[in-house]
Amino acid sequence: MKKGDLIYLPSNVNLVKITRIGTRSHIGDLLKLQKPKNVLFLGDTGEKPAGWSSSKYLKVLYDGEEWLVKEDDAILGRLKND
């Protein structure tokens, strides 16, 4: 994937925002999608909340804000009406 690619997220996917406390990352906000959405890919990130699975997370633009989503939940290039 490259920056600016369109990503399709099915319903019930969790989006997270990360906050830092000292040197550790923690969940700041959590949002569960009620409907499928198309979002923009902003880049890969190695950052994830402390204690979370080893899944790879992607940085995406949703509703004008940066969020993280598990790579396994994202489908590259699928177009559907929001």
Protein backbone atom coordinates (compact mmCIF):
# COMPACT_ATOMS: atom_id res chain seq x y z
CA MET A 1 0.00 0.00 0.00
CA LYS A 2 1.10 3.55 -0.58
CA LYS A 3 0.01 6.79 1.04
CA GLY A 4 -3.30 8.00 -0.40
CA ASP A 5 -4.59 4.53 -1.34
CA LEU A 6 -8.26 3.93 -0.66
CA ILE A 7 -9.00 1.29 1.98
CA TYR A 8 -12.38 -0.33 2.63
CA LEU A 9 -13.26 -1.09 6.27
CA PRO A 10 -16.21 -3.41 6.92
CA SER A 11 -18.70 -2.69 9.71
CA ASN A 12 -17.75 -3.64 13.29
CA VAL A 13 -14.07 -2.81 12.75
CA ASN A 14 -12.36 -1.02 15.64
CA LEU A 15 -10.43 2.20 15.08
CA VAL A 16 -8.08 3.35 17.84
CA LYS A 17 -6.19 6.49 18.75
CA ILE A 18 -2.97 6.21 20.69
CA THR A 19 -1.86 8.44 23.55
CA ARG A 20 1.57 8.41 25.16
CA ILE A 21 2.18 8.24 28.87
CA GLY A 22 5.90 8.45 29.39
CA THR A 23 7.49 6.01 26.94
CA ARG A 24 4.44 3.71 26.71
CA SER A 25 1.56 3.89 24.24
CA HIS A 26 -2.02 3.43 25.44
CA ILE A 27 -5.49 3.57 23.90
CA GLY A 28 -6.74 7.15 23.79
CA ASP A 29 -10.04 6.67 21.95
CA LEU A 30 -11.77 3.61 20.55
CA LEU A 31 -14.42 3.73 17.81
CA LYS A 32 -16.36 0.74 16.41
CA LEU A 33 -17.68 1.33 12.90
CA GLN A 34 -21.43 0.85 12.64
CA LYS A 35 -21.35 0.87 8.82
CA PRO A 36 -18.65 0.01 6.26
CA LYS A 37 -16.46 2.98 5.30
CA ASN A 38 -13.85 3.95 2.74
CA VAL A 39 -10.82 5.64 4.32
CA LEU A 40 -7.44 6.92 3.10
CA PHE A 41 -4.23 5.09 3.93
CA LEU A 42 -1.71 7.43 5.60
CA GLY A 43 1.08 4.96 6.33
CA ASP A 44 2.28 1.99 8.34
CA THR A 45 2.90 2.33 12.03
CA GLY A 46 4.75 0.14 14.46
CA GLU A 47 2.94 1.83 17.30
CA LYS A 48 0.20 0.05 19.24
CA PRO A 49 -1.22 0.17 22.74
CA ALA A 50 0.68 -1.65 25.48
CA GLY A 51 -0.43 -5.27 25.83
CA TRP A 52 -2.17 -5.47 22.43
CA SER A 53 -1.63 -8.30 19.99
CA SER A 54 1.31 -8.31 17.63
CA SER A 55 -0.92 -7.41 14.67
CA LYS A 56 0.34 -4.76 12.29
CA TYR A 57 -1.56 -1.47 12.47
CA LEU A 58 -2.18 1.02 9.68
CA LYS A 59 -2.63 4.76 10.00
CA VAL A 60 -5.82 5.91 8.23
CA LEU A 61 -7.79 9.13 7.77
CA TYR A 62 -11.37 8.77 9.00
CA ASP A 63 -13.76 11.70 9.43
CA GLY A 64 -10.87 14.18 9.15
CA GLU A 65 -8.77 12.55 11.90
CA GLU A 66 -5.90 10.04 12.08
CA TRP A 67 -6.78 6.62 13.47
CA LEU A 68 -5.12 3.20 13.64
CA VAL A 69 -6.73 0.03 12.31
CA LYS A 70 -5.49 -3.58 12.24
CA GLU A 71 -4.09 -4.42 8.84
CA ASP A 72 -6.11 -7.66 8.83
CA ASP A 73 -9.34 -5.60 8.97
CA ALA A 74 -8.48 -3.43 5.94
CA ILE A 75 -9.28 -4.27 2.32
CA LEU A 76 -7.22 -2.35 -0.25
CA GLY A 77 -8.96 -0.68 -3.17
CA ARG A 78 -12.50 -1.92 -2.65
CA LEU A 79 -15.10 0.71 -3.57
CA LYS A 80 -18.53 0.69 -2.02
CA ASN A 81 -20.97 3.46 -1.32
CA ASP A 82 -20.63 4.79 2.22
